[in-house]
PDB file of N, CA and C in Angstrom:
ATOM      1  N   MET A   1      23.476  -8.836  -0.198  1.00  0.00           N
ATOM      2  CA  MET A   1      23.842  -7.875   0.862  1.00  0.00           C
ATOM      3  C   MET A   1      24.229  -8.673   2.130  1.00  0.00           C
ATOM      4  N   THR A   2      25.201  -8.333   2.716  1.00  0.00           N
ATOM      5  CA  THR A   2      25.812  -9.073   3.859  1.00  0.00           C
ATOM      6  C   THR A   2      25.068  -8.468   5.203  1.00  0.00           C
ATOM      7  N   SER A   3      25.066  -9.356   6.206  1.00  0.00           N
ATOM      8  CA  SER A   3      24.571  -8.897   7.404  1.00  0.00           C
ATOM      9  C   SER A   3      25.222  -7.779   8.152  1.00  0.00           C
ATOM     10  N   SER A   4      26.768  -7.694   7.777  1.00  0.00           N
ATOM     11  CA  SER A   4      27.477  -6.849   8.435  1.00  0.00           C
ATOM     12  C   SER A   4      27.055  -5.419   7.758  1.00  0.00           C
ATOM     13  N   GLU A   5      26.626  -5.320   6.589  1.00  0.00           N
ATOM     14  CA  GLU A   5      26.187  -4.090   6.004  1.00  0.00           C
ATOM     15  C   GLU A   5      25.049  -3.629   6.628  1.00  0.00           C
ATOM     16  N   ARG A   6      24.133  -4.515   6.810  1.00  0.00           N
ATOM     17  CA  ARG A   6      22.861  -4.111   7.573  1.00  0.00           C
ATOM     18  C   ARG A   6      23.081  -3.752   8.996  1.00  0.00           C
ATOM     19  N   SER A   7      24.010  -4.425   9.668  1.00  0.00           N
ATOM     20  CA  SER A   7      24.301  -4.057  11.063  1.00  0.00           C
ATOM     21  C   SER A   7      24.824  -2.825  11.332  1.00  0.00           C
ATOM     22  N   GLY A   8      25.489  -2.285  10.276  1.00  0.00           N
ATOM     23  CA  GLY A   8      26.116  -0.957  10.485  1.00  0.00           C
ATOM     24  C   GLY A   8      25.207   0.207  10.065  1.00  0.00           C
ATOM     25  N   LEU A   9      23.876  -0.044   9.679  1.00  0.00           N
ATOM     26  CA  LEU A   9      22.892   1.035   9.635  1.00  0.00           C
ATOM     27  C   LEU A   9      22.178   1.419  10.817  1.00  0.00           C
ATOM     28  N   PRO A  10      21.881   2.820  10.885  1.00  0.00           N
ATOM     29  CA  PRO A  10      21.274   3.254  12.099  1.00  0.00           C
ATOM     30  C   PRO A  10      19.783   2.834  12.300  1.00  0.00           C
ATOM     31  N   LEU A  11      19.211   2.227  11.288  1.00  0.00           N
ATOM     32  CA  LEU A  11      17.868   1.704  11.297  1.00  0.00           C
ATOM     33  C   LEU A  11      17.787   0.280  11.031  1.00  0.00           C
ATOM     34  N   PRO A  12      17.307  -0.489  12.000  1.00  0.00           N
ATOM     35  CA  PRO A  12      17.430  -2.023  11.762  1.00  0.00           C
ATOM     36  C   PRO A  12      16.398  -2.331  10.696  1.00  0.00           C
ATOM     37  N   ASP A  13      16.783  -3.272   9.755  1.00  0.00           N
ATOM     38  CA  ASP A  13      15.943  -3.650   8.751  1.00  0.00           C
ATOM     39  C   ASP A  13      15.378  -2.451   7.743  1.00  0.00           C
ATOM     40  N   PHE A  14      16.322  -1.588   7.552  1.00  0.00           N
ATOM     41  CA  PHE A  14      15.929  -0.406   6.742  1.00  0.00           C
ATOM     42  C   PHE A  14      15.329  -0.901   5.330  1.00  0.00           C
ATOM     43  N   ASP A  15      15.815  -1.933   4.841  1.00  0.00           N
ATOM     44  CA  ASP A  15      15.366  -2.413   3.521  1.00  0.00           C
ATOM     45  C   ASP A  15      13.853  -2.668   3.573  1.00  0.00           C
ATOM     46  N   GLN A  16      13.408  -3.161   4.763  1.00  0.00           N
ATOM     47  CA  GLN A  16      11.977  -3.700   4.786  1.00  0.00           C
ATOM     48  C   GLN A  16      11.026  -2.665   5.426  1.00  0.00           C
ATOM     49  N   LEU A  17      11.527  -1.466   5.728  1.00  0.00           N
ATOM     50  CA  LEU A  17      10.683  -0.564   6.340  1.00  0.00           C
ATOM     51  C   LEU A  17       9.726  -0.040   5.369  1.00  0.00           C
ATOM     52  N   PRO A  18       8.294   0.085   5.707  1.00  0.00           N
ATOM     53  CA  PRO A  18       7.489   0.784   4.833  1.00  0.00           C
ATOM     54  C   PRO A  18       7.862   2.249   4.583  1.00  0.00           C
ATOM     55  N   VAL A  19       7.820   2.562   3.412  1.00  0.00           N
ATOM     56  CA  VAL A  19       8.193   3.939   3.014  1.00  0.00           C
ATOM     57  C   VAL A  19       7.415   5.120   3.866  1.00  0.00           C
ATOM     58  N   GLY A  20       6.171   4.822   4.087  1.00  0.00           N
ATOM     59  CA  GLY A  20       5.320   5.706   4.910  1.00  0.00           C
ATOM     60  C   GLY A  20       5.856   5.913   6.312  1.00  0.00           C
ATOM     61  N   THR A  21       6.549   5.082   6.802  1.00  0.00           N
ATOM     62  CA  THR A  21       7.041   5.190   8.365  1.00  0.00           C
ATOM     63  C   THR A  21       8.422   5.772   8.286  1.00  0.00           C
ATOM     64  N   LEU A  22       9.170   5.830   7.289  1.00  0.00           N
ATOM     65  CA  LEU A  22      10.537   6.212   7.160  1.00  0.00           C
ATOM     66  C   LEU A  22      10.728   7.612   7.641  1.00  0.00           C
ATOM     67  N   GLU A  23       9.788   8.543   7.028  1.00  0.00           N
ATOM     68  CA  GLU A  23       9.934   9.863   7.558  1.00  0.00           C
ATOM     69  C   GLU A  23       9.916  10.059   9.034  1.00  0.00           C
ATOM     70  N   HIS A  24       9.043   9.403   9.712  1.00  0.00           N
ATOM     71  CA  HIS A  24       8.892   9.502  11.191  1.00  0.00           C
ATOM     72  C   HIS A  24      10.128   8.756  11.842  1.00  0.00           C
ATOM     73  N   ARG A  25      10.747   7.591  11.333  1.00  0.00           N
ATOM     74  CA  ARG A  25      11.707   6.964  11.959  1.00  0.00           C
ATOM     75  C   ARG A  25      13.038   7.782  11.843  1.00  0.00           C
ATOM     76  N   ILE A  26      13.357   8.405  10.855  1.00  0.00           N
ATOM     77  CA  ILE A  26      14.572   9.160  10.795  1.00  0.00           C
ATOM     78  C   ILE A  26      14.673  10.456  11.497  1.00  0.00           C
ATOM     79  N   ARG A  27      13.546  10.926  12.207  1.00  0.00           N
ATOM     80  CA  ARG A  27      13.643  12.102  12.930  1.00  0.00           C
ATOM     81  C   ARG A  27      14.622  12.095  14.049  1.00  0.00           C
ATOM     82  N   SER A  28      14.789  10.941  14.682  1.00  0.00           N
ATOM     83  CA  SER A  28      15.811  10.853  15.673  1.00  0.00           C
ATOM     84  C   SER A  28      17.174  10.791  15.308  1.00  0.00           C
ATOM     85  N   LEU A  29      17.363  10.690  14.112  1.00  0.00           N
ATOM     86  CA  LEU A  29      18.789  10.473  13.628  1.00  0.00           C
ATOM     87  C   LEU A  29      19.599  11.722  13.264  1.00  0.00           C
ATOM     88  N   GLY A  30      20.921  11.810  13.443  1.00  0.00           N
ATOM     89  CA  GLY A  30      21.630  12.932  13.192  1.00  0.00           C
ATOM     90  C   GLY A  30      22.061  12.973  11.781  1.00  0.00           C
ATOM     91  N   ALA A  31      22.702  13.992  11.256  1.00  0.00           N
ATOM     92  CA  ALA A  31      23.058  14.096  10.027  1.00  0.00           C
ATOM     93  C   ALA A  31      24.028  13.049   9.461  1.00  0.00           C
ATOM     94  N   ASP A  32      24.944  12.520  10.196  1.00  0.00           N
ATOM     95  CA  ASP A  32      25.787  11.454   9.923  1.00  0.00           C
ATOM     96  C   ASP A  32      25.039  10.118   9.555  1.00  0.00           C
ATOM     97  N   ASP A  33      24.183   9.824  10.410  1.00  0.00           N
ATOM     98  CA  ASP A  33      23.257   8.649  10.244  1.00  0.00           C
ATOM     99  C   ASP A  33      22.434   8.721   8.906  1.00  0.00           C
ATOM    100  N   VAL A  34      21.879   9.977   8.763  1.00  0.00           N
ATOM    101  CA  VAL A  34      21.099  10.145   7.460  1.00  0.00           C
ATOM    102  C   VAL A  34      21.963  10.053   6.400  1.00  0.00           C
ATOM    103  N   ASP A  35      23.161  10.524   6.374  1.00  0.00           N
ATOM    104  CA  ASP A  35      24.088  10.368   5.227  1.00  0.00           C
ATOM    105  C   ASP A  35      24.473   8.886   4.931  1.00  0.00           C
ATOM    106  N   ARG A  36      24.672   8.265   6.076  1.00  0.00           N
ATOM    107  CA  ARG A  36      24.933   6.763   5.889  1.00  0.00           C
ATOM    108  C   ARG A  36      23.832   6.016   5.222  1.00  0.00           C
ATOM    109  N   LEU A  37      22.642   6.323   5.639  1.00  0.00           N
ATOM    110  CA  LEU A  37      21.339   5.706   5.007  1.00  0.00           C
ATOM    111  C   LEU A  37      21.253   6.148   3.579  1.00  0.00           C
ATOM    112  N   LEU A  38      21.603   7.318   3.308  1.00  0.00           N
ATOM    113  CA  LEU A  38      21.450   7.918   1.870  1.00  0.00           C
ATOM    114  C   LEU A  38      22.496   7.153   0.902  1.00  0.00           C
ATOM    115  N   ARG A  39      23.674   7.045   1.491  1.00  0.00           N
ATOM    116  CA  ARG A  39      24.735   6.281   0.690  1.00  0.00           C
ATOM    117  C   ARG A  39      24.398   4.947   0.476  1.00  0.00           C
ATOM    118  N   TYR A  40      23.803   4.229   1.480  1.00  0.00           N
ATOM    119  CA  TYR A  40      23.388   2.835   1.372  1.00  0.00           C
ATOM    120  C   TYR A  40      22.314   2.643   0.460  1.00  0.00           C
ATOM    121  N   GLU A  41      21.263   3.632   0.415  1.00  0.00           N
ATOM    122  CA  GLU A  41      20.159   3.589  -0.440  1.00  0.00           C
ATOM    123  C   GLU A  41      20.612   3.730  -1.851  1.00  0.00           C
ATOM    124  N   HIS A  42      21.589   4.717  -2.230  1.00  0.00           N
ATOM    125  CA  HIS A  42      22.100   4.813  -3.516  1.00  0.00           C
ATOM    126  C   HIS A  42      22.730   3.733  -4.037  1.00  0.00           C
ATOM    127  N   GLU A  43      23.357   3.032  -3.130  1.00  0.00           N
ATOM    128  CA  GLU A  43      24.216   1.867  -3.544  1.00  0.00           C
ATOM    129  C   GLU A  43      23.359   0.491  -3.688  1.00  0.00           C
ATOM    130  N   HIS A  44      22.283   0.514  -3.118  1.00  0.00           N
ATOM    131  CA  HIS A  44      21.458  -0.691  -3.195  1.00  0.00           C
ATOM    132  C   HIS A  44      20.241  -0.366  -4.181  1.00  0.00           C
ATOM    133  N   ALA A  45      19.110  -0.143  -3.426  1.00  0.00           N
ATOM    134  CA  ALA A  45      17.747  -0.054  -4.181  1.00  0.00           C
ATOM    135  C   ALA A  45      17.583   1.308  -5.043  1.00  0.00           C
ATOM    136  N   ASP A  46      18.245   2.357  -4.320  1.00  0.00           N
ATOM    137  CA  ASP A  46      18.036   3.780  -5.065  1.00  0.00           C
ATOM    138  C   ASP A  46      16.763   3.985  -5.396  1.00  0.00           C
ATOM    139  N   ARG A  47      15.824   3.887  -4.378  1.00  0.00           N
ATOM    140  CA  ARG A  47      14.292   4.166  -4.522  1.00  0.00           C
ATOM    141  C   ARG A  47      14.206   5.711  -4.614  1.00  0.00           C
ATOM    142  N   ALA A  48      13.595   6.242  -5.628  1.00  0.00           N
ATOM    143  CA  ALA A  48      13.576   7.755  -5.657  1.00  0.00           C
ATOM    144  C   ALA A  48      12.842   8.324  -4.461  1.00  0.00           C
ATOM    145  N   ASN A  49      11.694   7.726  -3.927  1.00  0.00           N
ATOM    146  CA  ASN A  49      10.980   8.349  -2.925  1.00  0.00           C
ATOM    147  C   ASN A  49      11.657   8.193  -1.518  1.00  0.00           C
ATOM    148  N   VAL A  50      12.421   7.177  -1.284  1.00  0.00           N
ATOM    149  CA  VAL A  50      13.265   7.081  -0.110  1.00  0.00           C
ATOM    150  C   VAL A  50      14.395   8.098  -0.164  1.00  0.00           C
ATOM    151  N   VAL A  51      15.080   8.351  -1.403  1.00  0.00           N
ATOM    152  CA  VAL A  51      16.121   9.246  -1.567  1.00  0.00           C
ATOM    153  C   VAL A  51      15.695  10.601  -1.270  1.00  0.00           C
ATOM    154  N   GLN A  52      14.362  10.895  -1.700  1.00  0.00           N
ATOM    155  CA  GLN A  52      13.731  12.189  -1.543  1.00  0.00           C
ATOM    156  C   GLN A  52      13.618  12.522  -0.017  1.00  0.00           C
ATOM    157  N   ILE A  53      13.016  11.586   0.625  1.00  0.00           N
ATOM    158  CA  ILE A  53      12.847  11.753   2.013  1.00  0.00           C
ATOM    159  C   ILE A  53      14.046  11.890   2.878  1.00  0.00           C
ATOM    160  N   LEU A  54      15.117  11.043   2.499  1.00  0.00           N
ATOM    161  CA  LEU A  54      16.392  11.283   3.258  1.00  0.00           C
ATOM    162  C   LEU A  54      17.087  12.587   2.951  1.00  0.00           C
ATOM    163  N   GLU A  55      16.974  12.992   1.639  1.00  0.00           N
ATOM    164  CA  GLU A  55      17.686  14.254   1.253  1.00  0.00           C
ATOM    165  C   GLU A  55      16.904  15.332   1.970  1.00  0.00           C
ATOM    166  N   SER A  56      15.573  15.412   2.066  1.00  0.00           N
ATOM    167  CA  SER A  56      14.869  16.466   2.724  1.00  0.00           C
ATOM    168  C   SER A  56      15.203  16.574   4.179  1.00  0.00           C
ATOM    169  N   ARG A  57      15.334  15.334   4.796  1.00  0.00           N
ATOM    170  CA  ARG A  57      15.748  15.449   6.179  1.00  0.00           C
ATOM    171  C   ARG A  57      17.161  15.903   6.367  1.00  0.00           C
ATOM    172  N   LYS A  58      18.038  15.600   5.565  1.00  0.00           N
ATOM    173  CA  LYS A  58      19.386  16.041   5.566  1.00  0.00           C
ATOM    174  C   LYS A  58      19.480  17.562   5.420  1.00  0.00           C
ATOM    175  N   ARG A  59      18.628  18.118   4.587  1.00  0.00           N
ATOM    176  CA  ARG A  59      18.566  19.576   4.323  1.00  0.00           C
ATOM    177  C   ARG A  59      18.143  20.229   5.648  1.00  0.00           C
ATOM    178  N   ARG A  60      17.118  19.748   6.218  1.00  0.00           N
ATOM    179  CA  ARG A  60      16.530  20.226   7.508  1.00  0.00           C
ATOM    180  C   ARG A  60      17.507  20.227   8.621  1.00  0.00           C
ATOM    181  N   LEU A  61      18.307  19.150   8.720  1.00  0.00           N
ATOM    182  CA  LEU A  61      19.281  19.020   9.812  1.00  0.00           C
ATOM    183  C   LEU A  61      20.416  20.140   9.495  1.00  0.00           C
ATOM    184  N   ASP A  62      20.834  20.248   8.205  1.00  0.00           N
ATOM    185  CA  ASP A  62      21.906  21.207   7.838  1.00  0.00           C
ATOM    186  C   ASP A  62      21.439  22.700   8.075  1.00  0.00           C
ATOM    187  N   GLU A  63      20.140  22.946   7.987  1.00  0.00           N
ATOM    188  CA  GLU A  63      19.560  24.163   8.364  1.00  0.00           C
ATOM    189  C   GLU A  63      19.454  24.463   9.853  1.00  0.00           C
ATOM    190  N   GLY A  64      19.634  23.600  10.590  1.00  0.00           N
ATOM    191  CA  GLY A  64      19.672  23.686  12.056  1.00  0.00           C
ATOM    192  C   GLY A  64      18.592  22.942  12.850  1.00  0.00           C
ATOM    193  N   ALA A  65      17.923  22.062  12.207  1.00  0.00           N
ATOM    194  CA  ALA A  65      16.916  21.198  12.944  1.00  0.00           C
ATOM    195  C   ALA A  65      17.678  20.181  13.872  1.00  0.00           C
ATOM    196  N   THR A  66      16.972  19.877  14.937  1.00  0.00           N
ATOM    197  CA  THR A  66      17.755  18.928  15.843  1.00  0.00           C
ATOM    198  C   THR A  66      16.944  17.601  15.777  1.00  0.00           C
ATOM    199  N   PRO A  67      17.723  16.504  16.005  1.00  0.00           N
ATOM    200  CA  PRO A  67      16.910  15.232  16.065  1.00  0.00           C
ATOM    201  C   PRO A  67      16.087  15.133  17.222  1.00  0.00           C
ATOM    202  N   SER A  68      14.978  14.565  17.066  1.00  0.00           N
ATOM    203  CA  SER A  68      13.992  14.468  18.119  1.00  0.00           C
ATOM    204  C   SER A  68      14.479  13.262  19.044  1.00  0.00           C
ATOM    205  N   GLY A  69      14.002  13.162  20.185  1.00  0.00           N
ATOM    206  CA  GLY A  69      14.270  12.119  21.195  1.00  0.00           C
ATOM    207  C   GLY A  69      13.773  10.647  20.682  1.00  0.00           C
ATOM    208  N   GLY A  70      14.343   9.667  21.330  1.00  0.00           N
ATOM    209  CA  GLY A  70      13.880   8.336  20.945  1.00  0.00           C
ATOM    210  C   GLY A  70      14.952   7.637  20.337  1.00  0.00           C
ATOM    211  N   ASP A  71      14.878   6.173  20.298  1.00  0.00           N
ATOM    212  CA  ASP A  71      15.759   5.331  19.604  1.00  0.00           C
ATOM    213  C   ASP A  71      15.114   4.591  18.484  1.00  0.00           C
ATOM    214  N   PRO A  72      15.486   4.916  17.320  1.00  0.00           N
ATOM    215  CA  PRO A  72      14.794   4.178  16.191  1.00  0.00           C
ATOM    216  C   PRO A  72      15.168   2.735  16.215  1.00  0.00           C
ATOM    217  N   ARG A  73      16.266   2.239  16.836  1.00  0.00           N
ATOM    218  CA  ARG A  73      16.680   0.941  16.847  1.00  0.00           C
ATOM    219  C   ARG A  73      15.629   0.063  17.662  1.00  0.00           C
ATOM    220  N   GLY A  74      14.988   0.630  18.589  1.00  0.00           N
ATOM    221  CA  GLY A  74      14.073   0.024  19.455  1.00  0.00           C
ATOM    222  C   GLY A  74      12.805  -0.420  18.763  1.00  0.00           C
ATOM    223  N   PHE A  75      12.466   0.091  17.652  1.00  0.00           N
ATOM    224  CA  PHE A  75      11.200  -0.214  16.812  1.00  0.00           C
ATOM    225  C   PHE A  75      11.516  -1.484  15.927  1.00  0.00           C
ATOM    226  N   ARG A  76      10.482  -2.145  15.654  1.00  0.00           N
ATOM    227  CA  ARG A  76      10.494  -3.288  14.718  1.00  0.00           C
ATOM    228  C   ARG A  76       9.733  -2.794  13.644  1.00  0.00           C
ATOM    229  N   PRO A  77       9.988  -3.284  12.389  1.00  0.00           N
ATOM    230  CA  PRO A  77       9.237  -3.047  11.194  1.00  0.00           C
ATOM    231  C   PRO A  77       7.802  -3.456  11.387  1.00  0.00           C
ATOM    232  N   GLU A  78       6.887  -2.757  10.767  1.00  0.00           N
ATOM    233  CA  GLU A  78       5.534  -3.088  10.869  1.00  0.00           C
ATOM    234  C   GLU A  78       5.082  -4.403  10.204  1.00  0.00           C
ATOM    235  N   GLN A  79       4.409  -5.243  10.955  1.00  0.00           N
ATOM    236  CA  GLN A  79       4.051  -6.436  10.340  1.00  0.00           C
ATOM    237  C   GLN A  79       2.591  -6.524  10.061  1.00  0.00           C
ATOM    238  N   PRO A  80       2.123  -7.017   8.973  1.00  0.00           N
ATOM    239  CA  PRO A  80       0.640  -6.951   8.761  1.00  0.00           C
ATOM    240  C   PRO A  80      -0.032  -7.627   9.864  1.00  0.00           C
ATOM    241  N   GLY A  81      -1.191  -7.296  10.280  1.00  0.00           N
ATOM    242  CA  GLY A  81      -2.043  -7.981  11.279  1.00  0.00           C
ATOM    243  C   GLY A  81      -2.569  -9.271  10.851  1.00  0.00           C
ATOM    244  N   PRO A  82      -3.070  -9.972  11.755  1.00  0.00           N
ATOM    245  CA  PRO A  82      -3.603 -11.219  11.460  1.00  0.00           C
ATOM    246  C   PRO A  82      -4.764 -11.163  10.308  1.00  0.00           C
ATOM    247  N   ALA A  83      -4.721 -12.140   9.382  1.00  0.00           N
ATOM    248  CA  ALA A  83      -5.677 -12.105   8.444  1.00  0.00           C
ATOM    249  C   ALA A  83      -7.066 -12.417   9.038  1.00  0.00           C
ATOM    250  N   ARG A  84      -7.941 -11.635   8.563  1.00  0.00           N
ATOM    251  CA  ARG A  84      -9.361 -11.791   8.992  1.00  0.00           C
ATOM    252  C   ARG A  84     -10.033 -12.688   8.101  1.00  0.00           C
ATOM    253  N   GLY A  85     -10.152 -14.032   8.495  1.00  0.00           N
ATOM    254  CA  GLY A  85     -10.775 -14.957   7.568  1.00  0.00           C
ATOM    255  C   GLY A  85     -12.185 -15.366   7.984  1.00  0.00           C
ATOM    256  N   GLY A  86     -12.738 -16.203   7.282  1.00  0.00           N
ATOM    257  CA  GLY A  86     -14.158 -16.568   7.621  1.00  0.00           C
ATOM    258  C   GLY A  86     -15.135 -15.722   7.075  1.00  0.00           C
ATOM    259  N   SER A  87     -16.434 -16.321   7.089  1.00  0.00           N
ATOM    260  CA  SER A  87     -17.534 -15.547   6.483  1.00  0.00           C
ATOM    261  C   SER A  87     -18.499 -15.160   7.642  1.00  0.00           C
ATOM    262  N   HIS A  88     -19.032 -14.083   7.598  1.00  0.00           N
ATOM    263  CA  HIS A  88     -20.112 -13.778   8.606  1.00  0.00           C
ATOM    264  C   HIS A  88     -21.401 -14.255   8.208  1.00  0.00           C
ATOM    265  N   VAL A  89     -21.427 -14.912   6.950  1.00  0.00           N
ATOM    266  CA  VAL A  89     -22.834 -15.377   6.482  1.00  0.00           C
ATOM    267  C   VAL A  89     -23.168 -16.610   7.206  1.00  0.00           C
ATOM    268  N   SER A  90     -24.358 -16.696   7.576  1.00  0.00           N
ATOM    269  CA  SER A  90     -24.819 -17.980   8.164  1.00  0.00           C
ATOM    270  C   SER A  90     -26.299 -18.281   7.825  1.00  0.00           C
ATOM    271  N   PRO A  91     -26.781 -19.442   7.873  1.00  0.00           N
ATOM    272  CA  PRO A  91     -28.064 -19.693   7.612  1.00  0.00           C
ATOM    273  C   PRO A  91     -29.103 -18.589   8.048  1.00  0.00           C
ATOM    274  N   ALA A  92     -28.795 -18.227   9.254  1.00  0.00           N
ATOM    275  CA  ALA A  92     -29.648 -17.237   9.859  1.00  0.00           C
ATOM    276  C   ALA A  92     -29.620 -15.796   9.211  1.00  0.00           C
ATOM    277  N   THR A  93     -28.526 -15.479   8.543  1.00  0.00           N
ATOM    278  CA  THR A  93     -28.428 -14.199   7.871  1.00  0.00           C
ATOM    279  C   THR A  93     -28.602 -14.350   6.335  1.00  0.00           C
ATOM    280  N   SER A  94     -28.913 -15.506   5.867  1.00  0.00           N
ATOM    281  CA  SER A  94     -28.936 -15.693   4.548  1.00  0.00           C
ATOM    282  C   SER A  94     -30.443 -15.377   4.055  1.00  0.00           C
ATOM    283  N   PRO A  95     -30.538 -14.777   2.868  1.00  0.00           N
ATOM    284  CA  PRO A  95     -31.930 -14.436   2.467  1.00  0.00           C
ATOM    285  C   PRO A  95     -32.796 -15.725   2.067  1.00  0.00           C
ATOM    286  N   GLU A  96     -34.052 -15.631   1.970  1.00  0.00           N
ATOM    287  CA  GLU A  96     -34.859 -16.711   1.539  1.00  0.00           C
ATOM    288  C   GLU A  96     -34.744 -17.204   0.251  1.00  0.00           C
ATOM    289  N   PRO A  97     -34.633 -18.364  -0.253  1.00  0.00           N
ATOM    290  CA  PRO A  97     -34.446 -18.626  -1.625  1.00  0.00           C
ATOM    291  C   PRO A  97     -35.674 -18.153  -2.501  1.00  0.00           C
ATOM    292  N   SER A  98     -35.325 -17.743  -3.694  1.00  0.00           N
ATOM    293  CA  SER A  98     -36.598 -17.112  -4.508  1.00  0.00           C
ATOM    294  C   SER A  98     -36.118 -17.696  -5.897  1.00  0.00           C
ATOM    295  N   SER A  99     -37.325 -17.642  -6.703  1.00  0.00           N
ATOM    296  CA  SER A  99     -37.178 -17.995  -8.075  1.00  0.00           C
ATOM    297  C   SER A  99     -37.157 -16.781  -8.874  1.00  0.00           C
ATOM    298  N   PRO A 100     -36.289 -16.772  -9.965  1.00  0.00           N
ATOM    299  CA  PRO A 100     -36.300 -15.647 -10.765  1.00  0.00           C
ATOM    300  C   PRO A 100     -37.573 -15.510 -11.502  1.00  0.00           C
ATOM    301  N   PRO A 101     -37.973 -14.308 -11.968  1.00  0.00           N
ATOM    302  CA  PRO A 101     -39.285 -13.942 -12.582  1.00  0.00           C
ATOM    303  C   PRO A 101     -39.117 -14.681 -13.892  1.00  0.00           C
ATOM    304  N   PRO A 102     -40.469 -15.090 -14.408  1.00  0.00           N
ATOM    305  CA  PRO A 102     -40.401 -15.747 -15.739  1.00  0.00           C
ATOM    306  C   PRO A 102     -40.272 -14.616 -16.809  1.00  0.00           C
ATOM    307  N   HIS A 103     -39.480 -15.077 -17.821  1.00  0.00           N
ATOM    308  CA  HIS A 103     -39.309 -14.088 -19.090  1.00  0.00           C
ATOM    309  C   HIS A 103     -39.978 -14.633 -20.250  1.00  0.00           C
ATOM    310  N   GLY A 104     -41.052 -15.235 -20.176  1.00  0.00           N
ATOM    311  CA  GLY A 104     -41.862 -15.767 -21.307  1.00  0.00           C
ATOM    312  C   GLY A 104     -41.828 -17.240 -21.324  1.00  0.00           C
ATOM    313  N   THR A 105     -42.745 -17.839 -21.951  1.00  0.00           N
ATOM    314  CA  THR A 105     -42.890 -19.297 -21.940  1.00  0.00           C
ATOM    315  C   THR A 105     -43.084 -19.632 -23.420  1.00  0.00           C
ATOM    316  N   PRO A 106     -42.762 -20.836 -23.827  1.00  0.00           N
ATOM    317  CA  PRO A 106     -42.990 -21.334 -25.288  1.00  0.00           C
ATOM    318  C   PRO A 106     -44.422 -21.095 -25.515  1.00  0.00           C
ATOM    319  N   ASP A 107     -45.385 -21.292 -24.680  1.00  0.00           N
ATOM    320  CA  ASP A 107     -46.853 -21.088 -25.017  1.00  0.00           C
ATOM    321  C   ASP A 107     -47.248 -19.720 -25.383  1.00  0.00           C
ATOM    322  N   GLN A 108     -46.576 -18.765 -24.891  1.00  0.00           N
ATOM    323  CA  GLN A 108     -47.043 -17.379 -25.216  1.00  0.00           C
ATOM    324  C   GLN A 108     -46.059 -16.752 -26.143  1.00  0.00           C
ATOM    325  N   ARG A 109     -46.686 -16.434 -27.265  1.00  0.00           N
ATOM    326  CA  ARG A 109     -45.811 -15.827 -28.344  1.00  0.00           C
ATOM    327  C   ARG A 109     -45.785 -14.305 -28.221  1.00  0.00           C
ATOM    328  N   GLY A 110     -44.910 -13.634 -28.651  1.00  0.00           N
ATOM    329  CA  GLY A 110     -44.715 -12.146 -28.592  1.00  0.00           C
ATOM    330  C   GLY A 110     -45.737 -11.548 -29.381  1.00  0.00           C
ATOM    331  N   LYS A 111     -46.294 -10.466 -28.883  1.00  0.00           N
ATOM    332  CA  LYS A 111     -47.339  -9.625 -29.712  1.00  0.00           C
ATOM    333  C   LYS A 111     -46.620  -8.464 -30.377  1.00  0.00           C
ATOM    334  N   PRO A 112     -47.086  -8.224 -31.545  1.00  0.00           N
ATOM    335  CA  PRO A 112     -46.635  -7.133 -32.289  1.00  0.00           C
ATOM    336  C   PRO A 112     -46.733  -5.708 -31.502  1.00  0.00           C
ATOM    337  N   LYS A 113     -45.831  -4.747 -31.650  1.00  0.00           N
ATOM    338  CA  LYS A 113     -45.937  -3.485 -30.880  1.00  0.00           C
ATOM    339  C   LYS A 113     -46.683  -2.476 -31.514  1.00  0.00           C
ATOM    340  N   GLY A 114     -47.460  -2.807 -32.616  1.00  0.00           N
ATOM    341  CA  GLY A 114     -48.251  -1.879 -33.328  1.00  0.00           C
ATOM    342  C   GLY A 114     -47.635  -1.727 -34.782  1.00  0.00           C
ATOM    343  N   ASP A 115     -48.068  -0.658 -35.378  1.00  0.00           N
ATOM    344  CA  ASP A 115     -47.485  -0.344 -36.752  1.00  0.00           C
ATOM    345  C   ASP A 115     -46.162   0.202 -36.766  1.00  0.00           C
ATOM    346  N   ARG A 116     -45.165  -0.520 -37.011  1.00  0.00           N
ATOM    347  CA  ARG A 116     -43.672  -0.008 -37.133  1.00  0.00           C
ATOM    348  C   ARG A 116     -43.349   0.168 -38.557  1.00  0.00           C
ATOM    349  N   THR A 117     -43.473   1.336 -39.155  1.00  0.00           N
ATOM    350  CA  THR A 117     -43.004   1.567 -40.502  1.00  0.00           C
ATOM    351  C   THR A 117     -41.792   2.444 -40.527  1.00  0.00           C
ATOM    352  N   ILE A 118     -40.823   2.166 -41.254  1.00  0.00           N
ATOM    353  CA  ILE A 118     -39.667   2.978 -41.278  1.00  0.00           C
ATOM    354  C   ILE A 118     -39.584   3.608 -42.447  1.00  0.00           C
TER     355      ILE A 118
END
C-alpha cells in the first residue's frame, strides 16, 4: 500500500487503529468519509468486524444521525504503555527458607494397614 493511499483516508493510520477505538473515532466523520473507509477496508484487509462497524455507522448517518464535533485526524493511534519490568521481590519480602517435610526414611519400613482381603 502506498503512502498516497493512506494519506487520502480521513483517519490517519487507519490500518493500525485498534478495532475497539474505531467506533469512537468515526463518530465525527460524514457519510462520504465513512464510505471511503469502507471501500478501502474492502480493498485491503476486509476485516469483518471493521466492516460491520463502518456499515452500522453509515446506516445511522443515512437515517439522519449527525457527525459529532472533533477532528479524528488530531488523534494518534494508541501506543502500549511502557513495560513494567523488574520484580518486587527482595530479600526483605522473601519467606524464610524451609525444608520439605520428610516422607519416610530407609530405616522405617511401611506398616501393613490391617487385614486387606479382597
